[in-house]
C-alpha atoms as a PDB file:
ATOM      1  CA  MET A   1     102.808 103.227 131.212  1.00  0.00           C
ATOM      2  CA  LEU A   2     100.412 106.172 131.304  1.00  0.00           C
ATOM      3  CA  PHE A   3     101.372 109.462 129.963  1.00  0.00           C
ATOM      4  CA  ALA A   4      99.322 112.691 130.247  1.00  0.00           C
ATOM      5  CA  TYR A   5      99.742 115.702 128.128  1.00  0.00           C
ATOM      6  CA  VAL A   6      98.547 118.890 129.998  1.00  0.00           C
ATOM      7  CA  PRO A   7      98.598 122.370 128.425  1.00  0.00           C
ATOM      8  CA  ARG A   8     101.264 124.717 129.933  1.00  0.00           C
ATOM      9  CA  GLY A   9     101.273 127.992 128.137  1.00  0.00           C
ATOM     10  CA  SER A  10     102.527 127.600 124.459  1.00  0.00           C
ATOM     11  CA  SER A  11     103.375 123.804 125.047  1.00  0.00           C
ATOM     12  CA  LEU A  12     102.158 120.586 126.574  1.00  0.00           C
ATOM     13  CA  GLU A  13     103.760 119.295 129.634  1.00  0.00           C
ATOM     14  CA  ARG A  14     104.274 115.521 129.425  1.00  0.00           C
ATOM     15  CA  VAL A  15     103.366 113.901 132.848  1.00  0.00           C
ATOM     16  CA  VAL A  16     103.871 110.422 133.874  1.00  0.00           C
ATOM     17  CA  VAL A  17     101.047 109.067 135.880  1.00  0.00           C
ATOM     18  CA  PRO A  18     102.126 106.407 138.425  1.00  0.00           C
ATOM     19  CA  GLU A  19      99.764 103.420 138.665  1.00  0.00           C
ATOM     20  CA  GLY A  20      96.999 104.005 140.868  1.00  0.00           C
ATOM     21  CA  GLU A  21      96.836 107.800 140.729  1.00  0.00           C
ATOM     22  CA  VAL A  22      94.405 110.073 139.151  1.00  0.00           C
ATOM     23  CA  VAL A  23      94.877 111.506 135.506  1.00  0.00           C
ATOM     24  CA  PRO A  24      95.588 115.235 135.909  1.00  0.00           C
ATOM     25  CA  SER A  25      92.719 117.606 135.141  1.00  0.00           C
ATOM     26  CA  GLY A  26      92.909 119.546 131.927  1.00  0.00           C
ATOM     27  CA  THR A  27      94.608 116.742 130.125  1.00  0.00           C
ATOM     28  CA  ILE A  28      94.129 116.793 126.385  1.00  0.00           C
ATOM     29  CA  TRP A  29      95.952 113.730 125.447  1.00  0.00           C
ATOM     30  CA  ILE A  30      96.357 110.539 127.184  1.00  0.00           C
ATOM     31  CA  ASP A  31      98.938 108.034 125.912  1.00  0.00           C
ATOM     32  CA  LEU A  32      98.722 104.428 127.137  1.00  0.00           C
ATOM     33  CA  LEU A  33     101.753 102.424 126.438  1.00  0.00           C
ATOM     34  CA  SER A  34     101.266  98.624 127.282  1.00  0.00           C
ATOM     35  CA  PRO A  35      98.740  99.632 130.010  1.00  0.00           C
ATOM     36  CA  THR A  36      98.062  97.568 132.938  1.00  0.00           C
ATOM     37  CA  LEU A  37      94.502  96.827 134.017  1.00  0.00           C
ATOM     38  CA  GLU A  38      94.612  99.512 136.775  1.00  0.00           C
ATOM     39  CA  GLU A  39      95.863 102.077 134.109  1.00  0.00           C
ATOM     40  CA  ASP A  40      92.980 101.152 131.862  1.00  0.00           C
ATOM     41  CA  LYS A  41      90.408 101.709 134.756  1.00  0.00           C
ATOM     42  CA  ALA A  42      92.049 105.071 135.805  1.00  0.00           C
ATOM     43  CA  VAL A  43      91.586 106.444 132.129  1.00  0.00           C
ATOM     44  CA  GLU A  44      88.038 104.951 131.867  1.00  0.00           C
ATOM     45  CA  LYS A  45      87.210 106.749 135.149  1.00  0.00           C
ATOM     46  CA  ALA A  46      88.894 110.093 134.067  1.00  0.00           C
ATOM     47  CA  VAL A  47      87.512 110.217 130.568  1.00  0.00           C
ATOM     48  CA  ALA A  48      84.172 107.973 130.742  1.00  0.00           C
ATOM     49  CA  ILE A  49      85.276 105.749 127.990  1.00  0.00           C
ATOM     50  CA  SER A  50      85.815 102.021 127.413  1.00  0.00           C
ATOM     51  CA  VAL A  51      89.475 101.222 126.529  1.00  0.00           C
ATOM     52  CA  PRO A  52      89.792  98.320 124.182  1.00  0.00           C
ATOM     53  CA  THR A  53      91.696  95.434 124.985  1.00  0.00           C
ATOM     54  CA  ARG A  54      94.739  94.261 122.882  1.00  0.00           C
ATOM     55  CA  GLU A  55      92.771  91.301 121.553  1.00  0.00           C
ATOM     56  CA  GLU A  56      89.842  93.780 120.521  1.00  0.00           C
ATOM     57  CA  MET A  57      92.578  96.073 118.830  1.00  0.00           C
ATOM     58  CA  ALA A  58      93.971  93.139 116.724  1.00  0.00           C
ATOM     59  CA  GLU A  59      90.533  92.453 114.997  1.00  0.00           C
ATOM     60  CA  ILE A  60      90.753  93.101 111.365  1.00  0.00           C
ATOM     61  CA  GLU A  61      86.978  93.866 110.446  1.00  0.00           C
ATOM     62  CA  PRO A  62      86.562  97.679 109.626  1.00  0.00           C
ATOM     63  CA  SER A  63      83.410  97.630 111.999  1.00  0.00           C
ATOM     64  CA  SER A  64      85.715  96.571 114.877  1.00  0.00           C
ATOM     65  CA  ARG A  65      88.395  99.148 114.125  1.00  0.00           C
ATOM     66  CA  LEU A  66      86.217 102.209 113.197  1.00  0.00           C
ATOM     67  CA  TYR A  67      83.082 102.889 115.280  1.00  0.00           C
ATOM     68  CA  ILE A  68      81.201 105.329 117.354  1.00  0.00           C
ATOM     69  CA  GLU A  69      80.048 104.359 120.877  1.00  0.00           C
ATOM     70  CA  ASN A  70      78.202 106.821 123.167  1.00  0.00           C
ATOM     71  CA  GLY A  71      79.452 109.907 121.104  1.00  0.00           C
ATOM     72  CA  VAL A  72      82.963 108.701 121.296  1.00  0.00           C
ATOM     73  CA  ARG A  73      84.987 107.801 118.116  1.00  0.00           C
ATOM     74  CA  TYR A  74      87.037 104.616 118.156  1.00  0.00           C
ATOM     75  CA  MET A  75      89.752 104.244 115.449  1.00  0.00           C
ATOM     76  CA  THR A  76      92.318 101.605 115.318  1.00  0.00           C
ATOM     77  CA  ALA A  77      95.103 101.438 112.632  1.00  0.00           C
ATOM     78  CA  ALA A  78      98.017  99.340 111.847  1.00  0.00           C
ATOM     79  CA  LEU A  79     101.370 101.185 112.053  1.00  0.00           C
ATOM     80  CA  ILE A  80     104.782 100.247 111.185  1.00  0.00           C
ATOM     81  CA  CYS A  81     107.504 100.094 113.814  1.00  0.00           C
ATOM     82  CA  ASN A  82     111.263  99.246 113.686  1.00  0.00           C
ATOM     83  CA  ALA A  83     111.287  99.990 110.022  1.00  0.00           C
ATOM     84  CA  ASP A  84     114.975 100.920 110.103  1.00  0.00           C
ATOM     85  CA  THR A  85     115.952  97.352 111.288  1.00  0.00           C
ATOM     86  CA  ASP A  86     115.465  93.895 110.087  1.00  0.00           C
ATOM     87  CA  ARG A  87     112.671  93.418 112.800  1.00  0.00           C
ATOM     88  CA  ALA A  88     110.066  95.687 110.960  1.00  0.00           C
ATOM     89  CA  ALA A  89     106.584  94.849 112.426  1.00  0.00           C
ATOM     90  CA  LEU A  90     103.005  95.999 112.303  1.00  0.00           C
ATOM     91  CA  THR A  91     101.310  97.220 115.720  1.00  0.00           C
ATOM     92  CA  ALA A  92      97.826  98.167 116.301  1.00  0.00           C
ATOM     93  CA  VAL A  93      97.183 101.455 117.663  1.00  0.00           C
ATOM     94  CA  THR A  94      93.739 102.758 118.743  1.00  0.00           C
ATOM     95  CA  PHE A  95      92.839 106.361 118.754  1.00  0.00           C
ATOM     96  CA  ILE A  96      89.931 107.531 120.989  1.00  0.00           C
ATOM     97  CA  ILE A  97      88.331 110.864 120.613  1.00  0.00           C
ATOM     98  CA  GLY A  98      85.712 112.262 122.969  1.00  0.00           C
ATOM     99  CA  ASN A  99      85.011 115.605 124.830  1.00  0.00           C
ATOM    100  CA  ASN A 100      87.948 117.182 123.093  1.00  0.00           C
ATOM    101  CA  ARG A 101      90.455 114.598 124.493  1.00  0.00           C
ATOM    102  CA  LEU A 102      92.463 112.110 122.785  1.00  0.00           C
ATOM    103  CA  VAL A 103      93.299 108.807 124.205  1.00  0.00           C
ATOM    104  CA  THR A 104      95.954 106.549 122.277  1.00  0.00           C
ATOM    105  CA  VAL A 105      96.347 102.915 123.252  1.00  0.00           C
ATOM    106  CA  ARG A 106      99.377 101.182 121.901  1.00  0.00           C
ATOM    107  CA  TYR A 107     101.658  98.241 122.729  1.00  0.00           C
ATOM    108  CA  ASP A 108     104.879  99.482 120.663  1.00  0.00           C
ATOM    109  CA  GLU A 109     106.574 102.554 120.128  1.00  0.00           C
ATOM    110  CA  PRO A 110     106.047 103.905 116.490  1.00  0.00           C
ATOM    111  CA  ARG A 111     108.520 106.781 115.837  1.00  0.00           C
ATOM    112  CA  PRO A 112     105.747 109.289 114.914  1.00  0.00           C
ATOM    113  CA  PHE A 113     104.558 109.297 118.470  1.00  0.00           C
ATOM    114  CA  ALA A 114     108.160 110.377 119.807  1.00  0.00           C
ATOM    115  CA  ILE A 115     108.385 112.911 117.066  1.00  0.00           C
ATOM    116  CA  VAL A 116     105.030 114.394 118.004  1.00  0.00           C
ATOM    117  CA  SER A 117     105.544 114.096 121.796  1.00  0.00           C
ATOM    118  CA  SER A 118     108.815 116.011 121.377  1.00  0.00           C
ATOM    119  CA  ARG A 119     107.427 118.793 119.297  1.00  0.00           C
ATOM    120  CA  LEU A 120     104.418 119.423 121.432  1.00  0.00           C
ATOM    121  CA  THR A 121     106.401 119.525 124.638  1.00  0.00           C
ATOM    122  CA  ARG A 122     108.412 122.278 122.900  1.00  0.00           C
ATOM    123  CA  VAL A 123     105.754 124.364 121.316  1.00  0.00           C
ATOM    124  CA  CYS A 124     102.012 124.005 120.418  1.00  0.00           C
ATOM    125  CA  SER A 125      99.043 126.033 119.405  1.00  0.00           C
ATOM    126  CA  PRO A 126      97.263 127.716 122.447  1.00  0.00           C
ATOM    127  CA  ASN A 127      94.042 126.183 121.237  1.00  0.00           C
ATOM    128  CA  ALA A 128      95.402 122.545 121.285  1.00  0.00           C
ATOM    129  CA  ASN A 129      92.816 119.825 121.910  1.00  0.00           C
ATOM    130  CA  GLY A 130      92.469 116.282 121.345  1.00  0.00           C
ATOM    131  CA  GLU A 131      91.443 116.690 117.682  1.00  0.00           C
ATOM    132  CA  SER A 132      94.369 118.822 116.759  1.00  0.00           C
ATOM    133  CA  VAL A 133      96.842 116.485 118.354  1.00  0.00           C
ATOM    134  CA  MET A 134      95.366 113.483 116.464  1.00  0.00           C
ATOM    135  CA  ILE A 135      95.887 115.332 113.230  1.00  0.00           C
ATOM    136  CA  ASP A 136      99.352 116.084 114.122  1.00  0.00           C
ATOM    137  CA  LEU A 137      99.947 112.294 114.904  1.00  0.00           C
ATOM    138  CA  LEU A 138      98.272 111.249 111.648  1.00  0.00           C
ATOM    139  CA  ASP A 139     100.459 113.837 109.700  1.00  0.00           C
ATOM    140  CA  ALA A 140     103.550 112.481 111.273  1.00  0.00           C
ATOM    141  CA  ILE A 141     102.533 108.815 110.474  1.00  0.00           C
ATOM    142  CA  ILE A 142     101.978 109.469 106.899  1.00  0.00           C
ATOM    143  CA  ASP A 143     105.297 111.497 106.757  1.00  0.00           C
ATOM    144  CA  ARG A 144     106.972 108.396 108.381  1.00  0.00           C
ATOM    145  CA  SER A 145     105.434 106.047 105.873  1.00  0.00           C
ATOM    146  CA  ALA A 146     106.576 108.217 102.977  1.00  0.00           C
ATOM    147  CA  ASP A 147     110.236 108.299 104.261  1.00  0.00           C
ATOM    148  CA  VAL A 148     110.109 104.529 104.510  1.00  0.00           C
ATOM    149  CA  LEU A 149     108.903 104.187 101.050  1.00  0.00           C
ATOM    150  CA  GLU A 150     111.365 106.701  99.712  1.00  0.00           C
ATOM    151  CA  ARG A 151     114.171 104.575 101.534  1.00  0.00           C
ATOM    152  CA  ILE A 152     112.797 101.290 100.050  1.00  0.00           C
ATOM    153  CA  GLY A 153     112.733 102.870  96.640  1.00  0.00           C
ATOM    154  CA  SER A 154     116.492 103.889  96.825  1.00  0.00           C
ATOM    155  CA  GLU A 155     117.446 100.484  98.137  1.00  0.00           C
ATOM    156  CA  VAL A 156     115.572  98.516  95.480  1.00  0.00           C
ATOM    157  CA  ASP A 157     117.340 100.742  92.909  1.00  0.00           C
ATOM    158  CA  ALA A 158     120.719  99.690  94.466  1.00  0.00           C
ATOM    159  CA  VAL A 159     119.648  96.017  94.251  1.00  0.00           C
ATOM    160  CA  SER A 160     118.588  96.447  90.729  1.00  0.00           C
ATOM    161  CA  ARG A 161     122.138  97.692  89.765  1.00  0.00           C
ATOM    162  CA  ARG A 162     123.529  94.670  91.460  1.00  0.00           C
ATOM    163  CA  ILE A 163     121.559  92.320  89.432  1.00  0.00           C
ATOM    164  CA  PHE A 164     121.992  94.105  85.953  1.00  0.00           C
ATOM    165  CA  GLU A 165     125.576  95.327  86.338  1.00  0.00           C
ATOM    166  CA  ARG A 166     127.589  92.401  87.369  1.00  0.00           C
ATOM    167  CA  ARG A 167     129.628  92.069  84.400  1.00  0.00           C
ATOM    168  CA  GLY A 168     133.234  91.375  85.542  1.00  0.00           C
ATOM    169  CA  ALA A 169     132.416  90.865  89.086  1.00  0.00           C
ATOM    170  CA  LYS A 170     134.991  88.824  90.864  1.00  0.00           C
ATOM    171  CA  ASP A 171     132.846  87.788  93.818  1.00  0.00           C
ATOM    172  CA  ASP A 172     131.321  84.279  94.170  1.00  0.00           C
ATOM    173  CA  PRO A 173     128.180  84.426  92.026  1.00  0.00           C
ATOM    174  CA  ARG A 174     126.582  82.009  94.423  1.00  0.00           C
ATOM    175  CA  GLN A 175     127.014  84.318  97.451  1.00  0.00           C
ATOM    176  CA  SER A 176     126.020  87.295  95.487  1.00  0.00           C
ATOM    177  CA  TYR A 177     122.799  85.900  94.364  1.00  0.00           C
ATOM    178  CA  GLN A 178     122.045  84.589  97.765  1.00  0.00           C
ATOM    179  CA  ASN A 179     122.543  88.200  99.231  1.00  0.00           C
ATOM    180  CA  ILE A 180     120.548  89.654  96.534  1.00  0.00           C
ATOM    181  CA  LEU A 181     117.788  87.204  97.113  1.00  0.00           C
ATOM    182  CA  ARG A 182     117.786  88.014 100.931  1.00  0.00           C
ATOM    183  CA  ALA A 183     117.761  91.860 100.137  1.00  0.00           C
ATOM    184  CA  ILE A 184     114.788  91.345  97.886  1.00  0.00           C
ATOM    185  CA  GLY A 185     112.912  89.300 100.417  1.00  0.00           C
ATOM    186  CA  ARG A 186     113.532  91.996 103.152  1.00  0.00           C
ATOM    187  CA  LYS A 187     112.450  94.825 100.764  1.00  0.00           C
ATOM    188  CA  GLY A 188     109.194  92.915  99.846  1.00  0.00           C
ATOM    189  CA  ASP A 189     108.313  92.011 103.310  1.00  0.00           C
ATOM    190  CA  LEU A 190     108.758  95.820 104.471  1.00  0.00           C
ATOM    191  CA  THR A 191     106.761  96.970 101.410  1.00  0.00           C
ATOM    192  CA  SER A 192     103.898  94.745 102.161  1.00  0.00           C
ATOM    193  CA  LYS A 193     103.738  95.766 105.709  1.00  0.00           C
ATOM    194  CA  ILE A 194     103.805  99.498 104.535  1.00  0.00           C
ATOM    195  CA  ARG A 195     100.968  98.769 102.127  1.00  0.00           C
ATOM    196  CA  GLU A 196      98.871  97.001 104.834  1.00  0.00           C
ATOM    197  CA  SER A 197      99.524 100.103 107.185  1.00  0.00           C
ATOM    198  CA  LEU A 198      98.613 102.593 104.588  1.00  0.00           C
ATOM    199  CA  VAL A 199      95.519 100.662 103.807  1.00  0.00           C
ATOM    200  CA  SER A 200      94.449 100.883 107.596  1.00  0.00           C
ATOM    201  CA  ILE A 201      95.544 104.519 107.789  1.00  0.00           C
ATOM    202  CA  GLY A 202      93.531 105.417 104.737  1.00  0.00           C
ATOM    203  CA  ARG A 203      90.270 103.974 106.182  1.00  0.00           C
ATOM    204  CA  LEU A 204      90.869 105.822 109.448  1.00  0.00           C
ATOM    205  CA  VAL A 205      91.356 109.100 107.478  1.00  0.00           C
ATOM    206  CA  ILE A 206      88.268 108.668 105.521  1.00  0.00           C
ATOM    207  CA  PHE A 207      86.249 107.809 108.658  1.00  0.00           C
ATOM    208  CA  LEU A 208      87.736 110.874 110.326  1.00  0.00           C
ATOM    209  CA  ALA A 209      86.848 113.053 107.337  1.00  0.00           C
ATOM    210  CA  ASN A 210      83.261 111.691 107.564  1.00  0.00           C
ATOM    211  CA  GLU A 211      83.125 112.528 111.264  1.00  0.00           C
ATOM    212  CA  ALA A 212      84.642 116.040 110.712  1.00  0.00           C
ATOM    213  CA  GLU A 213      81.209 117.907 111.236  1.00  0.00           C
ATOM    214  CA  GLY A 214      80.487 115.912 114.374  1.00  0.00           C
ATOM    215  CA  LEU A 215      83.851 116.549 115.738  1.00  0.00           C
ATOM    216  CA  LYS A 216      83.466 120.353 114.806  1.00  0.00           C
ATOM    217  CA  PHE A 217      86.774 120.423 112.862  1.00  0.00           C
ATOM    218  CA  GLU A 218      87.769 123.995 111.716  1.00  0.00           C
ATOM    219  CA  ARG A 219      87.932 124.598 108.112  1.00  0.00           C
ATOM    220  CA  ASP A 220      91.783 124.267 107.854  1.00  0.00           C
ATOM    221  CA  GLN A 221      91.552 121.161 109.733  1.00  0.00           C
ATOM    222  CA  ARG A 222      89.021 119.601 107.340  1.00  0.00           C
ATOM    223  CA  SER A 223      91.222 120.682 104.428  1.00  0.00           C
ATOM    224  CA  LEU A 224      94.245 119.024 106.050  1.00  0.00           C
ATOM    225  CA  VAL A 225      92.152 115.886 106.656  1.00  0.00           C
ATOM    226  CA  ARG A 226      91.260 115.654 102.910  1.00  0.00           C
ATOM    227  CA  SER A 227      94.854 116.353 102.014  1.00  0.00           C
ATOM    228  CA  MET A 228      96.055 113.458 104.090  1.00  0.00           C
ATOM    229  CA  ALA A 229      93.481 111.161 102.475  1.00  0.00           C
ATOM    230  CA  ARG A 230      94.936 112.159  98.998  1.00  0.00           C
ATOM    231  CA  ASP A 231      98.578 111.665 100.421  1.00  0.00           C
ATOM    232  CA  VAL A 232      97.543 108.009 101.639  1.00  0.00           C
ATOM    233  CA  THR A 233      96.012 107.153  98.275  1.00  0.00           C
ATOM    234  CA  SER A 234      99.252 108.409  96.540  1.00  0.00           C
ATOM    235  CA  LEU A 235     101.530 106.488  98.849  1.00  0.00           C
ATOM    236  CA  THR A 236      99.512 103.326  98.604  1.00  0.00           C
ATOM    237  CA  ASP A 237      99.849 103.484  94.622  1.00  0.00           C
ATOM    238  CA  HIS A 238     103.596 104.131  95.161  1.00  0.00           C
ATOM    239  CA  ALA A 239     103.822 101.074  97.529  1.00  0.00           C
ATOM    240  CA  THR A 240     101.980  98.890  94.752  1.00  0.00           C
ATOM    241  CA  PHE A 241     104.442 100.212  92.332  1.00  0.00           C
ATOM    242  CA  LEU A 242     107.483  99.152  94.429  1.00  0.00           C
ATOM    243  CA  ALA A 243     105.921  95.841  95.247  1.00  0.00           C
ATOM    244  CA  ASN A 244     105.530  95.190  91.453  1.00  0.00           C
ATOM    245  CA  LYS A 245     109.086  96.289  90.944  1.00  0.00           C
ATOM    246  CA  ILE A 246     110.359  93.927  93.609  1.00  0.00           C
ATOM    247  CA  THR A 247     108.481  91.149  92.015  1.00  0.00           C
ATOM    248  CA  PHE A 248     110.209  92.003  88.670  1.00  0.00           C
ATOM    249  CA  LEU A 249     113.642  91.907  90.393  1.00  0.00           C
ATOM    250  CA  LEU A 250     112.776  88.653  91.894  1.00  0.00           C
ATOM    251  CA  ASP A 251     111.802  87.059  88.613  1.00  0.00           C
ATOM    252  CA  ALA A 252     115.045  88.699  87.108  1.00  0.00           C
ATOM    253  CA  THR A 253     117.297  87.323  89.791  1.00  0.00           C
ATOM    254  CA  LEU A 254     115.931  83.791  89.443  1.00  0.00           C
ATOM    255  CA  GLY A 255     116.416  84.081  85.626  1.00  0.00           C
ATOM    256  CA  MET A 256     120.065  85.172  86.230  1.00  0.00           C
ATOM    257  CA  VAL A 257     120.550  82.069  88.444  1.00  0.00           C
ATOM    258  CA  SER A 258     119.059  79.876  85.855  1.00  0.00           C
ATOM    259  CA  LEU A 259     121.541  81.333  83.045  1.00  0.00           C
ATOM    260  CA  GLU A 260     124.416  80.796  85.351  1.00  0.00           C
ATOM    261  CA  GLN A 261     123.384  77.151  85.953  1.00  0.00           C
ATOM    262  CA  ASN A 262     122.690  76.706  82.210  1.00  0.00           C
ATOM    263  CA  ASN A 263     126.356  77.866  81.492  1.00  0.00           C
ATOM    264  CA  VAL A 264     127.903  75.562  84.120  1.00  0.00           C
ATOM    265  CA  ILE A 265     125.675  72.519  82.538  1.00  0.00           C
ATOM    266  CA  LYS A 266     126.868  73.578  79.023  1.00  0.00           C
ATOM    267  CA  ILE A 267     130.505  73.366  80.089  1.00  0.00           C
ATOM    268  CA  PHE A 268     129.971  70.014  81.745  1.00  0.00           C
ATOM    269  CA  SER A 269     128.258  68.695  78.522  1.00  0.00           C
ATOM    270  CA  VAL A 270     130.986  69.927  76.273  1.00  0.00           C
ATOM    271  CA  VAL A 271     133.592  68.418  78.514  1.00  0.00           C
ATOM    272  CA  ALA A 272     131.611  65.091  78.515  1.00  0.00           C
ATOM    273  CA  VAL A 273     131.187  64.973  74.755  1.00  0.00           C
ATOM    274  CA  ALA A 274     134.831  65.827  74.113  1.00  0.00           C
ATOM    275  CA  LEU A 275     136.067  63.071  76.416  1.00  0.00           C
ATOM    276  CA  LEU A 276     133.520  60.468  75.190  1.00  0.00           C
ATOM    277  CA  PRO A 277     135.384  59.393  71.951  1.00  0.00           C
ATOM    278  CA  PRO A 278     138.745  58.733  73.678  1.00  0.00           C
ATOM    279  CA  THR A 279     136.861  56.917  76.440  1.00  0.00           C
ATOM    280  CA  MET A 280     135.156  54.664  73.825  1.00  0.00           C
ATOM    281  CA  ILE A 281     138.297  54.059  71.876  1.00  0.00           C
ATOM    282  CA  ALA A 282     140.273  53.119  74.943  1.00  0.00           C
ATOM    283  CA  SER A 283     137.383  50.870  76.256  1.00  0.00           C
ATOM    284  CA  ILE A 284     137.236  48.969  73.067  1.00  0.00           C
ATOM    285  CA  TYR A 285     140.861  48.811  72.041  1.00  0.00           C
ATOM    286  CA  GLY A 286     142.912  49.660  75.153  1.00  0.00           C
ATOM    287  CA  MET A 287     142.842  46.149  76.541  1.00  0.00           C
ATOM    288  CA  ASN A 288     142.993  44.183  73.397  1.00  0.00           C
ATOM    289  CA  PHE A 289     146.721  44.669  72.253  1.00  0.00           C
ATOM    290  CA  LYS A 290     148.815  41.741  72.369  1.00  0.00           C
ATOM    291  CA  HIS A 291     151.994  43.580  73.376  1.00  0.00           C
ATOM    292  CA  MET A 292     151.654  46.034  76.253  1.00  0.00           C
ATOM    293  CA  PRO A 293     154.854  47.095  77.924  1.00  0.00           C
ATOM    294  CA  GLU A 294     153.188  48.311  81.022  1.00  0.00           C
ATOM    295  CA  LEU A 295     152.179  44.649  81.805  1.00  0.00           C
ATOM    296  CA  ASP A 296     155.682  43.910  82.707  1.00  0.00           C
ATOM    297  CA  TRP A 297     156.159  47.128  84.472  1.00  0.00           C
ATOM    298  CA  THR A 298     156.575  46.880  88.340  1.00  0.00           C
ATOM    299  CA  PHE A 299     154.861  50.151  89.070  1.00  0.00           C
ATOM    300  CA  GLY A 300     152.213  49.988  86.338  1.00  0.00           C
ATOM    301  CA  TYR A 301     149.353  49.201  88.482  1.00  0.00           C
ATOM    302  CA  PRO A 302     150.039  51.897  91.102  1.00  0.00           C
ATOM    303  CA  PHE A 303     150.475  54.380  88.285  1.00  0.00           C
ATOM    304  CA  ALA A 304     147.237  53.616  86.813  1.00  0.00           C
ATOM    305  CA  LEU A 305     145.429  53.953  90.084  1.00  0.00           C
ATOM    306  CA  LEU A 306     147.187  57.425  90.844  1.00  0.00           C
ATOM    307  CA  LEU A 307     146.340  58.436  87.163  1.00  0.00           C
ATOM    308  CA  MET A 308     142.624  57.608  87.674  1.00  0.00           C
ATOM    309  CA  ILE A 309     142.504  59.548  91.125  1.00  0.00           C
ATOM    310  CA  ALA A 310     144.262  62.467  89.452  1.00  0.00           C
ATOM    311  CA  SER A 311     141.766  62.460  86.555  1.00  0.00           C
ATOM    312  CA  ALA A 312     139.124  62.759  89.149  1.00  0.00           C
ATOM    313  CA  ILE A 313     140.579  65.562  91.240  1.00  0.00           C
ATOM    314  CA  LEU A 314     141.968  67.826  88.794  1.00  0.00           C
ATOM    315  CA  PRO A 315     138.620  68.522  86.983  1.00  0.00           C
ATOM    316  CA  TYR A 316     137.053  69.084  90.356  1.00  0.00           C
ATOM    317  CA  LEU A 317     139.603  71.473  91.465  1.00  0.00           C
ATOM    318  CA  PHE A 318     139.568  73.325  88.075  1.00  0.00           C
ATOM    319  CA  PHE A 319     135.737  73.683  88.265  1.00  0.00           C
ATOM    320  CA  ARG A 320     136.029  74.908  91.872  1.00  0.00           C
ATOM    321  CA  TRP A 321     138.602  77.533  90.877  1.00  0.00           C
ATOM    322  CA  LYS A 322     136.210  78.713  88.105  1.00  0.00           C
ATOM    323  CA  ASN A 323     133.351  78.919  90.625  1.00  0.00           C
ATOM    324  CA  TRP A 324     131.312  76.459  88.595  1.00  0.00           C
ATOM    325  CA  LEU A 325     130.540  74.205  91.623  1.00  0.00           C
END
């Protein structure tokens, strides 16, 4: 889809451009969401730029993500999407700045785009242009990353309490540890995605700061870009801290599982040692008596079979009741 944002007084009007139609004149932000070939051509004709393909956006070399072509700045970053679900993923988004216009190319819907779109359609600066819209987008993206990291931090703290405050817990320890390991895995995966996203955003912000003079940023815009670069660095450090904490919790959980297993093995060992002497005595002497009344008992053999079955089943049921198996 192709969305065009056209200034209308103190706000931007969001216009859906049907396939095959011309981009409205005066548009300062063109947002391409999963564009078709015809929509790419319409934007290239309207803005005189080359829209990168999805394969080109996925390239990881910095030279392929941050470059200048014919005076137009191309910047691609990996943004987190679906961070509030179990299907969090990274998606490549390209920002193209040229002639005071911003073109964004994306194949998913990161939340900052909806936030900025809603805000600008309500109110925006009368001097809004492509550069200012991009700064608003980057600011929202960094804020979103901070919110996700804050939520991960609180959830990691909750997992930590589950690990180290389980005394007297009545739930099945096997299920509890399985759930904890799943939670740790999800948080670790999300944290690694956030770190990767922040690294790409940091490169983009540095590139944008270096191009501030060429883009004729105002003084407050340059200050804001520098502030965003510091924020990204701080968030990256925090993500690294969370990743280390998650690794510690994983090691602690595996240590707890090992302790539980050692306790069970210890019980089995004690029971085996306790029953070994009677077993040895019975094996040596039990069948060597001259007078054994049970030999003349009609139900002696079935009774012995039932006794052997019971001696195998009762310990099994007892261990299951104690959650040792």
